[in-house]
Each structure stands twice: as structure tokens, then as C-alpha cells.
Amino acid sequence: MKRKVTKCLVSAYTVSLVFLNSGVVRAASDAGEVQSKLNTGLTSIKVVITSVIAIVGIIAAAKIVISKLPSLDDPNMKNEMWRGIGMVAAAVAAGGALTWLIPWVYGLFQ
């Protein structure tokens, strides 16, 4: 019961923060203002997606290090650990870049 109440309170707090800090647009005076607000909103979404990708990458790299830590004396395991961390870093870099490149390429063809 306590866990359920805590979960509801955290959800309500998060939702209230989103609505209070979002700066909801009710009306715009011209199309240029709408376009600038739309671009600002899309940039915020891209930042959130990039942050999520980075956090997932950090968690994955930490999991690799923790799983390989007991047998780190073995050069084979050390090599495997660094290779895994390199793959995670490459995936994070690719995911972060695609988040920004896909809208840019889409804008080129409009």
C-alpha cells in the first residue's frame, strides 16, 4: 500500500512539474512565432532523447565493468571488457548523432 501511494505521489509531482514548467502556448500572433516555438519544443525533445541514450549507455557500460571485474586479472577478460565498453560507446555516439541528424536531413528535403 505504501509503495502504491509513493508511486502515485511521485507521478503526480512529475506531471505537475511538467505542466508548470512547459510554458504551454495557447495562441500565437503570427506564423513565425509558432515556428520558433515549435523548433524550441523539438529541440527540447531531442535533448531528452539524447540524454536517455547517454544514461542507458552509462548503465550498460557499468554493467559490463561490474560483470567482468572479478576476473580482470585475465588478459582475455580485460580485452573483452574494453571491447564491450567500446561497442557501448559507439552505440551511444551513433544513437546521439542520429537523434540530431535525422531531423536535419528531413529538413533538407522539405
PDB file of N, CA and C in Angstrom:
ATOM      1  N   MET A   1       0.821  -1.188   0.000  1.00  0.00           N
ATOM      2  CA  MET A   1       0.000   0.000   0.000  1.00  0.00           C
ATOM      3  C   MET A   1       0.871   1.260   0.000  1.00  0.00           C
ATOM      4  N   LYS A   2       1.896   1.251   0.867  1.00  0.00           N
ATOM      5  CA  LYS A   2       2.773   2.417   0.963  1.00  0.00           C
ATOM      6  C   LYS A   2       3.507   2.660  -0.355  1.00  0.00           C
ATOM      7  N   ARG A   3       3.896   1.569  -0.992  1.00  0.00           N
ATOM      8  CA  ARG A   3       4.610   1.672  -2.270  1.00  0.00           C
ATOM      9  C   ARG A   3       3.712   2.269  -3.353  1.00  0.00           C
ATOM     10  N   LYS A   4       2.448   1.861  -3.335  1.00  0.00           N
ATOM     11  CA  LYS A   4       1.497   2.361  -4.321  1.00  0.00           C
ATOM     12  C   LYS A   4       1.249   3.861  -4.122  1.00  0.00           C
ATOM     13  N   VAL A   5       1.128   4.294  -2.874  1.00  0.00           N
ATOM     14  CA  VAL A   5       0.911   5.703  -2.578  1.00  0.00           C
ATOM     15  C   VAL A   5       2.129   6.521  -2.990  1.00  0.00           C
ATOM     16  N   THR A   6       3.320   5.995  -2.691  1.00  0.00           N
ATOM     17  CA  THR A   6       4.550   6.687  -3.067  1.00  0.00           C
ATOM     18  C   THR A   6       4.646   6.826  -4.580  1.00  0.00           C
ATOM     19  N   LYS A   7       4.298   5.774  -5.283  1.00  0.00           N
ATOM     20  CA  LYS A   7       4.331   5.800  -6.746  1.00  0.00           C
ATOM     21  C   LYS A   7       3.360   6.843  -7.297  1.00  0.00           C
ATOM     22  N   CYS A   8       2.166   6.920  -6.725  1.00  0.00           N
ATOM     23  CA  CYS A   8       1.176   7.901  -7.167  1.00  0.00           C
ATOM     24  C   CYS A   8       1.645   9.322  -6.877  1.00  0.00           C
ATOM     25  N   LEU A   9       2.243   9.540  -5.710  1.00  0.00           N
ATOM     26  CA  LEU A   9       2.728  10.873  -5.361  1.00  0.00           C
ATOM     27  C   LEU A   9       3.859  11.318  -6.282  1.00  0.00           C
ATOM     28  N   VAL A  10       4.771  10.401  -6.581  1.00  0.00           N
ATOM     29  CA  VAL A  10       5.874  10.733  -7.483  1.00  0.00           C
ATOM     30  C   VAL A  10       5.338  11.039  -8.876  1.00  0.00           C
ATOM     31  N   SER A  11       4.379  10.259  -9.343  1.00  0.00           N
ATOM     32  CA  SER A  11       3.785  10.506 -10.656  1.00  0.00           C
ATOM     33  C   SER A  11       3.072  11.853 -10.698  1.00  0.00           C
ATOM     34  N   ALA A  12       2.309  12.161  -9.652  1.00  0.00           N
ATOM     35  CA  ALA A  12       1.599  13.436  -9.610  1.00  0.00           C
ATOM     36  C   ALA A  12       2.578  14.601  -9.562  1.00  0.00           C
ATOM     37  N   TYR A  13       3.657  14.461  -8.812  1.00  0.00           N
ATOM     38  CA  TYR A  13       4.671  15.513  -8.726  1.00  0.00           C
ATOM     39  C   TYR A  13       5.325  15.738 -10.084  1.00  0.00           C
ATOM     40  N   THR A  14       5.662  14.656 -10.771  1.00  0.00           N
ATOM     41  CA  THR A  14       6.294  14.762 -12.082  1.00  0.00           C
ATOM     42  C   THR A  14       5.363  15.434 -13.089  1.00  0.00           C
ATOM     43  N   VAL A  15       4.110  15.027 -13.099  1.00  0.00           N
ATOM     44  CA  VAL A  15       3.141  15.615 -14.026  1.00  0.00           C
ATOM     45  C   VAL A  15       2.952  17.101 -13.738  1.00  0.00           C
ATOM     46  N   SER A  16       2.881  17.458 -12.455  1.00  0.00           N
ATOM     47  CA  SER A  16       2.707  18.873 -12.121  1.00  0.00           C
ATOM     48  C   SER A  16       3.924  19.691 -12.526  1.00  0.00           C
ATOM     49  N   LEU A  17       5.122  19.140 -12.364  1.00  0.00           N
ATOM     50  CA  LEU A  17       6.321  19.851 -12.798  1.00  0.00           C
ATOM     51  C   LEU A  17       6.336  20.054 -14.303  1.00  0.00           C
ATOM     52  N   VAL A  18       5.924  19.041 -15.044  1.00  0.00           N
ATOM     53  CA  VAL A  18       5.904  19.141 -16.500  1.00  0.00           C
ATOM     54  C   VAL A  18       4.942  20.236 -16.938  1.00  0.00           C
ATOM     55  N   PHE A  19       3.748  20.260 -16.338  1.00  0.00           N
ATOM     56  CA  PHE A  19       2.767  21.262 -16.746  1.00  0.00           C
ATOM     57  C   PHE A  19       3.131  22.659 -16.284  1.00  0.00           C
ATOM     58  N   LEU A  20       3.764  22.796 -15.133  1.00  0.00           N
ATOM     59  CA  LEU A  20       4.129  24.114 -14.643  1.00  0.00           C
ATOM     60  C   LEU A  20       5.311  24.706 -15.401  1.00  0.00           C
ATOM     61  N   ASN A  21       6.246  23.857 -15.831  1.00  0.00           N
ATOM     62  CA  ASN A  21       7.457  24.345 -16.480  1.00  0.00           C
ATOM     63  C   ASN A  21       7.412  24.267 -17.998  1.00  0.00           C
ATOM     64  N   SER A  22       6.316  23.799 -18.557  1.00  0.00           N
ATOM     65  CA  SER A  22       6.300  23.589 -20.000  1.00  0.00           C
ATOM     66  C   SER A  22       6.033  24.864 -20.787  1.00  0.00           C
ATOM     67  N   GLY A  23       5.414  25.846 -20.201  1.00  0.00           N
ATOM     68  CA  GLY A  23       5.109  27.077 -20.925  1.00  0.00           C
ATOM     69  C   GLY A  23       4.162  26.805 -22.078  1.00  0.00           C
ATOM     70  N   VAL A  24       3.002  26.271 -21.801  1.00  0.00           N
ATOM     71  CA  VAL A  24       2.036  25.881 -22.817  1.00  0.00           C
ATOM     72  C   VAL A  24       1.607  27.108 -23.623  1.00  0.00           C
ATOM     73  N   VAL A  25       1.620  26.954 -24.937  1.00  0.00           N
ATOM     74  CA  VAL A  25       1.237  28.043 -25.838  1.00  0.00           C
ATOM     75  C   VAL A  25      -0.261  27.930 -26.099  1.00  0.00           C
ATOM     76  N   ARG A  26      -0.986  28.989 -25.794  1.00  0.00           N
ATOM     77  CA  ARG A  26      -2.423  28.971 -26.018  1.00  0.00           C
ATOM     78  C   ARG A  26      -2.777  29.620 -27.360  1.00  0.00           C
ATOM     79  N   ALA A  27      -2.051  30.665 -27.736  1.00  0.00           N
ATOM     80  CA  ALA A  27      -2.314  31.340 -29.000  1.00  0.00           C
ATOM     81  C   ALA A  27      -1.034  32.048 -29.440  1.00  0.00           C
ATOM     82  N   ALA A  28      -0.869  32.181 -30.731  1.00  0.00           N
ATOM     83  CA  ALA A  28       0.302  32.862 -31.269  1.00  0.00           C
ATOM     84  C   ALA A  28      -0.157  33.979 -32.192  1.00  0.00           C
ATOM     85  N   SER A  29       0.635  35.046 -32.214  1.00  0.00           N
ATOM     86  CA  SER A  29       0.226  36.200 -33.008  1.00  0.00           C
ATOM     87  C   SER A  29       0.497  36.009 -34.504  1.00  0.00           C
ATOM     88  N   ASP A  30       1.553  35.287 -34.861  1.00  0.00           N
ATOM     89  CA  ASP A  30       1.843  35.073 -36.273  1.00  0.00           C
ATOM     90  C   ASP A  30       2.523  33.718 -36.476  1.00  0.00           C
ATOM     91  N   ALA A  31       2.681  33.362 -37.746  1.00  0.00           N
ATOM     92  CA  ALA A  31       3.240  32.048 -38.078  1.00  0.00           C
ATOM     93  C   ALA A  31       4.708  31.936 -37.679  1.00  0.00           C
ATOM     94  N   GLY A  32       5.447  33.024 -37.719  1.00  0.00           N
ATOM     95  CA  GLY A  32       6.856  32.991 -37.328  1.00  0.00           C
ATOM     96  C   GLY A  32       7.026  32.625 -35.864  1.00  0.00           C
ATOM     97  N   GLU A  33       6.132  33.127 -35.034  1.00  0.00           N
ATOM     98  CA  GLU A  33       6.192  32.805 -33.602  1.00  0.00           C
ATOM     99  C   GLU A  33       5.856  31.330 -33.373  1.00  0.00           C
ATOM    100  N   VAL A  34       4.891  30.810 -34.111  1.00  0.00           N
ATOM    101  CA  VAL A  34       4.536  29.395 -33.998  1.00  0.00           C
ATOM    102  C   VAL A  34       5.718  28.528 -34.403  1.00  0.00           C
ATOM    103  N   GLN A  35       6.369  28.887 -35.511  1.00  0.00           N
ATOM    104  CA  GLN A  35       7.509  28.110 -35.991  1.00  0.00           C
ATOM    105  C   GLN A  35       8.654  28.137 -34.984  1.00  0.00           C
ATOM    106  N   SER A  36       8.930  29.266 -34.382  1.00  0.00           N
ATOM    107  CA  SER A  36      10.027  29.342 -33.411  1.00  0.00           C
ATOM    108  C   SER A  36       9.705  28.529 -32.163  1.00  0.00           C
ATOM    109  N   LYS A  37       8.458  28.562 -31.709  1.00  0.00           N
ATOM    110  CA  LYS A  37       8.070  27.770 -30.538  1.00  0.00           C
ATOM    111  C   LYS A  37       8.100  26.287 -30.865  1.00  0.00           C
ATOM    112  N   LEU A  38       7.730  25.923 -32.073  1.00  0.00           N
ATOM    113  CA  LEU A  38       7.788  24.525 -32.497  1.00  0.00           C
ATOM    114  C   LEU A  38       9.229  24.038 -32.545  1.00  0.00           C
ATOM    115  N   ASN A  39      10.128  24.852 -33.084  1.00  0.00           N
ATOM    116  CA  ASN A  39      11.544  24.481 -33.124  1.00  0.00           C
ATOM    117  C   ASN A  39      12.127  24.339 -31.721  1.00  0.00           C
ATOM    118  N   THR A  40      11.739  25.222 -30.806  1.00  0.00           N
ATOM    119  CA  THR A  40      12.206  25.134 -29.427  1.00  0.00           C
ATOM    120  C   THR A  40      11.712  23.849 -28.779  1.00  0.00           C
ATOM    121  N   GLY A  41      10.472  23.497 -29.018  1.00  0.00           N
ATOM    122  CA  GLY A  41       9.912  22.262 -28.461  1.00  0.00           C
ATOM    123  C   GLY A  41      10.594  21.023 -29.010  1.00  0.00           C
ATOM    124  N   LEU A  42      10.845  21.019 -30.320  1.00  0.00           N
ATOM    125  CA  LEU A  42      11.510  19.868 -30.924  1.00  0.00           C
ATOM    126  C   LEU A  42      12.951  19.733 -30.432  1.00  0.00           C
ATOM    127  N   THR A  43      13.621  20.850 -30.208  1.00  0.00           N
ATOM    128  CA  THR A  43      14.975  20.806 -29.662  1.00  0.00           C
ATOM    129  C   THR A  43      14.961  20.223 -28.254  1.00  0.00           C
ATOM    130  N   SER A  44      13.968  20.583 -27.473  1.00  0.00           N
ATOM    131  CA  SER A  44      13.852  20.027 -26.120  1.00  0.00           C
ATOM    132  C   SER A  44      13.641  18.517 -26.172  1.00  0.00           C
ATOM    133  N   ILE A  45      12.828  18.059 -27.097  1.00  0.00           N
ATOM    134  CA  ILE A  45      12.590  16.620 -27.239  1.00  0.00           C
ATOM    135  C   ILE A  45      13.877  15.905 -27.645  1.00  0.00           C
ATOM    136  N   LYS A  46      14.637  16.497 -28.566  1.00  0.00           N
ATOM    137  CA  LYS A  46      15.902  15.886 -28.986  1.00  0.00           C
ATOM    138  C   LYS A  46      16.887  15.807 -27.830  1.00  0.00           C
ATOM    139  N   VAL A  47      16.915  16.834 -26.986  1.00  0.00           N
ATOM    140  CA  VAL A  47      17.815  16.826 -25.823  1.00  0.00           C
ATOM    141  C   VAL A  47      17.420  15.710 -24.860  1.00  0.00           C
ATOM    142  N   VAL A  48      16.128  15.530 -24.641  1.00  0.00           N
ATOM    143  CA  VAL A  48      15.664  14.471 -23.733  1.00  0.00           C
ATOM    144  C   VAL A  48      16.026  13.100 -24.298  1.00  0.00           C
ATOM    145  N   ILE A  49      15.814  12.881 -25.585  1.00  0.00           N
ATOM    146  CA  ILE A  49      16.135  11.591 -26.195  1.00  0.00           C
ATOM    147  C   ILE A  49      17.636  11.319 -26.120  1.00  0.00           C
ATOM    148  N   THR A  50      18.447  12.325 -26.404  1.00  0.00           N
ATOM    149  CA  THR A  50      19.893  12.168 -26.315  1.00  0.00           C
ATOM    150  C   THR A  50      20.327  11.853 -24.885  1.00  0.00           C
ATOM    151  N   SER A  51      19.707  12.493 -23.916  1.00  0.00           N
ATOM    152  CA  SER A  51      20.031  12.228 -22.516  1.00  0.00           C
ATOM    153  C   SER A  51      19.669  10.807 -22.117  1.00  0.00           C
ATOM    154  N   VAL A  52      18.527  10.328 -22.569  1.00  0.00           N
ATOM    155  CA  VAL A  52      18.123   8.955 -22.269  1.00  0.00           C
ATOM    156  C   VAL A  52      19.110   7.967 -22.884  1.00  0.00           C
ATOM    157  N   ILE A  53      19.533   8.221 -24.108  1.00  0.00           N
ATOM    158  CA  ILE A  53      20.512   7.344 -24.760  1.00  0.00           C
ATOM    159  C   ILE A  53      21.818   7.327 -23.975  1.00  0.00           C
ATOM    160  N   ALA A  54      22.271   8.485 -23.520  1.00  0.00           N
ATOM    161  CA  ALA A  54      23.511   8.559 -22.752  1.00  0.00           C
ATOM    162  C   ALA A  54      23.384   7.832 -21.416  1.00  0.00           C
ATOM    163  N   ILE A  55      22.262   7.982 -20.740  1.00  0.00           N
ATOM    164  CA  ILE A  55      22.068   7.303 -19.452  1.00  0.00           C
ATOM    165  C   ILE A  55      22.029   5.793 -19.631  1.00  0.00           C
ATOM    166  N   VAL A  56      21.351   5.321 -20.657  1.00  0.00           N
ATOM    167  CA  VAL A  56      21.320   3.880 -20.932  1.00  0.00           C
ATOM    168  C   VAL A  56      22.720   3.372 -21.249  1.00  0.00           C
ATOM    169  N   GLY A  57      23.508   4.149 -21.979  1.00  0.00           N
ATOM    170  CA  GLY A  57      24.886   3.758 -22.286  1.00  0.00           C
ATOM    171  C   GLY A  57      25.747   3.673 -21.038  1.00  0.00           C
ATOM    172  N   ILE A  58      25.581   4.611 -20.129  1.00  0.00           N
ATOM    173  CA  ILE A  58      26.341   4.582 -18.879  1.00  0.00           C
ATOM    174  C   ILE A  58      25.974   3.357 -18.062  1.00  0.00           C
ATOM    175  N   ILE A  59      24.693   3.043 -18.000  1.00  0.00           N
ATOM    176  CA  ILE A  59      24.253   1.863 -17.252  1.00  0.00           C
ATOM    177  C   ILE A  59      24.790   0.588 -17.891  1.00  0.00           C
ATOM    178  N   ALA A  60      24.771   0.508 -19.218  1.00  0.00           N
ATOM    179  CA  ALA A  60      25.279  -0.674 -19.903  1.00  0.00           C
ATOM    180  C   ALA A  60      26.780  -0.833 -19.686  1.00  0.00           C
ATOM    181  N   ALA A  61      27.526   0.257 -19.759  1.00  0.00           N
ATOM    182  CA  ALA A  61      28.976   0.180 -19.536  1.00  0.00           C
ATOM    183  C   ALA A  61      29.278  -0.221 -18.095  1.00  0.00           C
ATOM    184  N   ALA A  62      28.524   0.316 -17.146  1.00  0.00           N
ATOM    185  CA  ALA A  62      28.736  -0.053 -15.743  1.00  0.00           C
ATOM    186  C   ALA A  62      28.429  -1.528 -15.521  1.00  0.00           C
ATOM    187  N   LYS A  63      27.395  -2.034 -16.179  1.00  0.00           N
ATOM    188  CA  LYS A  63      27.051  -3.447 -16.044  1.00  0.00           C
ATOM    189  C   LYS A  63      28.162  -4.329 -16.614  1.00  0.00           C
ATOM    190  N   ILE A  64      28.750  -3.921 -17.720  1.00  0.00           N
ATOM    191  CA  ILE A  64      29.852  -4.684 -18.312  1.00  0.00           C
ATOM    192  C   ILE A  64      31.047  -4.701 -17.371  1.00  0.00           C
ATOM    193  N   VAL A  65      31.382  -3.544 -16.822  1.00  0.00           N
ATOM    194  CA  VAL A  65      32.532  -3.459 -15.914  1.00  0.00           C
ATOM    195  C   VAL A  65      32.296  -4.305 -14.672  1.00  0.00           C
ATOM    196  N   ILE A  66      31.105  -4.224 -14.102  1.00  0.00           N
ATOM    197  CA  ILE A  66      30.808  -4.982 -12.887  1.00  0.00           C
ATOM    198  C   ILE A  66      30.841  -6.476 -13.151  1.00  0.00           C
ATOM    199  N   SER A  67      30.350  -6.908 -14.299  1.00  0.00           N
ATOM    200  CA  SER A  67      30.344  -8.345 -14.587  1.00  0.00           C
ATOM    201  C   SER A  67      31.747  -8.884 -14.863  1.00  0.00           C
ATOM    202  N   LYS A  68      32.641  -8.078 -15.415  1.00  0.00           N
ATOM    203  CA  LYS A  68      33.990  -8.534 -15.746  1.00  0.00           C
ATOM    204  C   LYS A  68      35.000  -8.262 -14.640  1.00  0.00           C
ATOM    205  N   LEU A  69      34.625  -7.519 -13.617  1.00  0.00           N
ATOM    206  CA  LEU A  69      35.556  -7.109 -12.569  1.00  0.00           C
ATOM    207  C   LEU A  69      36.189  -8.263 -11.796  1.00  0.00           C
ATOM    208  N   PRO A  70      35.443  -9.325 -11.444  1.00  0.00           N
ATOM    209  CA  PRO A  70      36.079 -10.394 -10.675  1.00  0.00           C
ATOM    210  C   PRO A  70      37.236 -11.105 -11.400  1.00  0.00           C
ATOM    211  N   SER A  71      37.172 -11.202 -12.703  1.00  0.00           N
ATOM    212  CA  SER A  71      38.210 -11.918 -13.449  1.00  0.00           C
ATOM    213  C   SER A  71      39.039 -10.960 -14.302  1.00  0.00           C
ATOM    214  N   LEU A  72      39.331  -9.780 -13.768  1.00  0.00           N
ATOM    215  CA  LEU A  72      40.047  -8.759 -14.529  1.00  0.00           C
ATOM    216  C   LEU A  72      41.533  -9.070 -14.666  1.00  0.00           C
ATOM    217  N   ASP A  73      42.053 -10.010 -13.876  1.00  0.00           N
ATOM    218  CA  ASP A  73      43.461 -10.381 -13.990  1.00  0.00           C
ATOM    219  C   ASP A  73      43.759 -11.096 -15.300  1.00  0.00           C
ATOM    220  N   ASP A  74      42.767 -11.753 -15.846  1.00  0.00           N
ATOM    221  CA  ASP A  74      42.931 -12.473 -17.104  1.00  0.00           C
ATOM    222  C   ASP A  74      42.960 -11.468 -18.260  1.00  0.00           C
ATOM    223  N   PRO A  75      44.031 -11.468 -19.070  1.00  0.00           N
ATOM    224  CA  PRO A  75      44.106 -10.509 -20.188  1.00  0.00           C
ATOM    225  C   PRO A  75      42.967 -10.670 -21.204  1.00  0.00           C
ATOM    226  N   ASN A  76      42.483 -11.898 -21.365  1.00  0.00           N
ATOM    227  CA  ASN A  76      41.369 -12.139 -22.286  1.00  0.00           C
ATOM    228  C   ASN A  76      40.105 -11.422 -21.812  1.00  0.00           C
ATOM    229  N   MET A  77      39.840 -11.517 -20.520  1.00  0.00           N
ATOM    230  CA  MET A  77      38.652 -10.861 -19.957  1.00  0.00           C
ATOM    231  C   MET A  77      38.788  -9.342 -20.013  1.00  0.00           C
ATOM    232  N   LYS A  78      40.004  -8.856 -19.772  1.00  0.00           N
ATOM    233  CA  LYS A  78      40.223  -7.413 -19.827  1.00  0.00           C
ATOM    234  C   LYS A  78      39.971  -6.904 -21.249  1.00  0.00           C
ATOM    235  N   ASN A  79      40.457  -7.659 -22.227  1.00  0.00           N
ATOM    236  CA  ASN A  79      40.243  -7.298 -23.623  1.00  0.00           C
ATOM    237  C   ASN A  79      38.747  -7.322 -23.959  1.00  0.00           C
ATOM    238  N   GLU A  80      38.050  -8.342 -23.461  1.00  0.00           N
ATOM    239  CA  GLU A  80      36.620  -8.462 -23.713  1.00  0.00           C
ATOM    240  C   GLU A  80      35.851  -7.299 -23.076  1.00  0.00           C
ATOM    241  N   MET A  81      36.282  -6.901 -21.875  1.00  0.00           N
ATOM    242  CA  MET A  81      35.627  -5.794 -21.191  1.00  0.00           C
ATOM    243  C   MET A  81      35.795  -4.492 -21.982  1.00  0.00           C
ATOM    244  N   TRP A  82      37.021  -4.208 -22.411  1.00  0.00           N
ATOM    245  CA  TRP A  82      37.263  -2.970 -23.145  1.00  0.00           C
ATOM    246  C   TRP A  82      36.569  -2.973 -24.504  1.00  0.00           C
ATOM    247  N   ARG A  83      36.493  -4.136 -25.126  1.00  0.00           N
ATOM    248  CA  ARG A  83      35.780  -4.235 -26.399  1.00  0.00           C
ATOM    249  C   ARG A  83      34.288  -3.958 -26.199  1.00  0.00           C
ATOM    250  N   GLY A  84      33.715  -4.502 -25.120  1.00  0.00           N
ATOM    251  CA  GLY A  84      32.303  -4.261 -24.816  1.00  0.00           C
ATOM    252  C   GLY A  84      32.030  -2.797 -24.519  1.00  0.00           C
ATOM    253  N   ILE A  85      32.930  -2.174 -23.749  1.00  0.00           N
ATOM    254  CA  ILE A  85      32.756  -0.755 -23.439  1.00  0.00           C
ATOM    255  C   ILE A  85      32.889   0.081 -24.706  1.00  0.00           C
ATOM    256  N   GLY A  86      33.798  -0.301 -25.589  1.00  0.00           N
ATOM    257  CA  GLY A  86      33.939   0.411 -26.865  1.00  0.00           C
ATOM    258  C   GLY A  86      32.695   0.291 -27.730  1.00  0.00           C
ATOM    259  N   MET A  87      32.089  -0.894 -27.734  1.00  0.00           N
ATOM    260  CA  MET A  87      30.858  -1.073 -28.507  1.00  0.00           C
ATOM    261  C   MET A  87      29.718  -0.231 -27.939  1.00  0.00           C
ATOM    262  N   VAL A  88      29.636  -0.178 -26.616  1.00  0.00           N
ATOM    263  CA  VAL A  88      28.596   0.642 -25.987  1.00  0.00           C
ATOM    264  C   VAL A  88      28.831   2.111 -26.319  1.00  0.00           C
ATOM    265  N   ALA A  89      30.082   2.556 -26.267  1.00  0.00           N
ATOM    266  CA  ALA A  89      30.392   3.956 -26.588  1.00  0.00           C
ATOM    267  C   ALA A  89      30.038   4.273 -28.042  1.00  0.00           C
ATOM    268  N   ALA A  90      30.338   3.328 -28.943  1.00  0.00           N
ATOM    269  CA  ALA A  90      29.994   3.543 -30.353  1.00  0.00           C
ATOM    270  C   ALA A  90      28.478   3.602 -30.545  1.00  0.00           C
ATOM    271  N   ALA A  91      27.753   2.745 -29.844  1.00  0.00           N
ATOM    272  CA  ALA A  91      26.289   2.749 -29.962  1.00  0.00           C
ATOM    273  C   ALA A  91      25.698   4.045 -29.405  1.00  0.00           C
ATOM    274  N   VAL A  92      26.241   4.529 -28.296  1.00  0.00           N
ATOM    275  CA  VAL A  92      25.755   5.791 -27.721  1.00  0.00           C
ATOM    276  C   VAL A  92      26.057   6.949 -28.669  1.00  0.00           C
ATOM    277  N   ALA A  93      27.254   6.958 -29.246  1.00  0.00           N
ATOM    278  CA  ALA A  93      27.607   8.029 -30.184  1.00  0.00           C
ATOM    279  C   ALA A  93      26.701   7.987 -31.419  1.00  0.00           C
ATOM    280  N   ALA A  94      26.448   6.797 -31.941  1.00  0.00           N
ATOM    281  CA  ALA A  94      25.581   6.677 -33.116  1.00  0.00           C
ATOM    282  C   ALA A  94      24.146   7.079 -32.789  1.00  0.00           C
ATOM    283  N   GLY A  95      23.637   6.621 -31.658  1.00  0.00           N
ATOM    284  CA  GLY A  95      22.269   6.981 -31.265  1.00  0.00           C
ATOM    285  C   GLY A  95      22.115   8.470 -31.029  1.00  0.00           C
ATOM    286  N   GLY A  96      23.087   9.067 -30.349  1.00  0.00           N
ATOM    287  CA  GLY A  96      23.035  10.504 -30.102  1.00  0.00           C
ATOM    288  C   GLY A  96      23.135  11.309 -31.385  1.00  0.00           C
ATOM    289  N   ALA A  97      23.972  10.854 -32.300  1.00  0.00           N
ATOM    290  CA  ALA A  97      24.124  11.568 -33.572  1.00  0.00           C
ATOM    291  C   ALA A  97      22.862  11.437 -34.432  1.00  0.00           C
ATOM    292  N   LEU A  98      22.280  10.245 -34.454  1.00  0.00           N
ATOM    293  CA  LEU A  98      21.080  10.046 -35.269  1.00  0.00           C
ATOM    294  C   LEU A  98      19.913  10.888 -34.773  1.00  0.00           C
ATOM    295  N   THR A  99      19.861  11.104 -33.460  1.00  0.00           N
ATOM    296  CA  THR A  99      18.795  11.928 -32.904  1.00  0.00           C
ATOM    297  C   THR A  99      18.825  13.332 -33.490  1.00  0.00           C
ATOM    298  N   TRP A 100      20.007  13.834 -33.783  1.00  0.00           N
ATOM    299  CA  TRP A 100      20.131  15.188 -34.315  1.00  0.00           C
ATOM    300  C   TRP A 100      20.220  15.205 -35.838  1.00  0.00           C
ATOM    301  N   LEU A 101      20.753  14.142 -36.440  1.00  0.00           N
ATOM    302  CA  LEU A 101      20.940  14.130 -37.891  1.00  0.00           C
ATOM    303  C   LEU A 101      19.665  13.842 -38.675  1.00  0.00           C
ATOM    304  N   ILE A 102      18.809  12.963 -38.159  1.00  0.00           N
ATOM    305  CA  ILE A 102      17.593  12.605 -38.886  1.00  0.00           C
ATOM    306  C   ILE A 102      16.697  13.827 -39.116  1.00  0.00           C
ATOM    307  N   PRO A 103      16.422  14.664 -38.100  1.00  0.00           N
ATOM    308  CA  PRO A 103      15.616  15.872 -38.401  1.00  0.00           C
ATOM    309  C   PRO A 103      16.314  16.835 -39.334  1.00  0.00           C
ATOM    310  N   TRP A 104      17.648  16.920 -39.253  1.00  0.00           N
ATOM    311  CA  TRP A 104      18.390  17.809 -40.138  1.00  0.00           C
ATOM    312  C   TRP A 104      18.247  17.357 -41.589  1.00  0.00           C
ATOM    313  N   VAL A 105      18.419  16.050 -41.841  1.00  0.00           N
ATOM    314  CA  VAL A 105      18.288  15.513 -43.199  1.00  0.00           C
ATOM    315  C   VAL A 105      16.857  15.677 -43.698  1.00  0.00           C
ATOM    316  N   TYR A 106      15.897  15.461 -42.814  1.00  0.00           N
ATOM    317  CA  TYR A 106      14.492  15.653 -43.185  1.00  0.00           C
ATOM    318  C   TYR A 106      14.230  17.107 -43.586  1.00  0.00           C
ATOM    319  N   GLY A 107      14.837  18.037 -42.862  1.00  0.00           N
ATOM    320  CA  GLY A 107      14.694  19.449 -43.196  1.00  0.00           C
ATOM    321  C   GLY A 107      15.334  19.831 -44.528  1.00  0.00           C
ATOM    322  N   LEU A 108      16.365  19.092 -44.936  1.00  0.00           N
ATOM    323  CA  LEU A 108      16.996  19.377 -46.218  1.00  0.00           C
ATOM    324  C   LEU A 108      16.079  19.085 -47.395  1.00  0.00           C
ATOM    325  N   PHE A 109      15.216  18.084 -47.267  1.00  0.00           N
ATOM    326  CA  PHE A 109      14.364  17.665 -48.367  1.00  0.00           C
ATOM    327  C   PHE A 109      12.979  18.282 -48.346  1.00  0.00           C
ATOM    328  N   GLN A 110      12.775  19.236 -47.453  1.00  0.00           N
ATOM    329  CA  GLN A 110      11.458  19.894 -47.419  1.00  0.00           C
ATOM    330  C   GLN A 110      11.429  21.075 -48.350  1.00  0.00           C
TER     331      GLN A 110
END
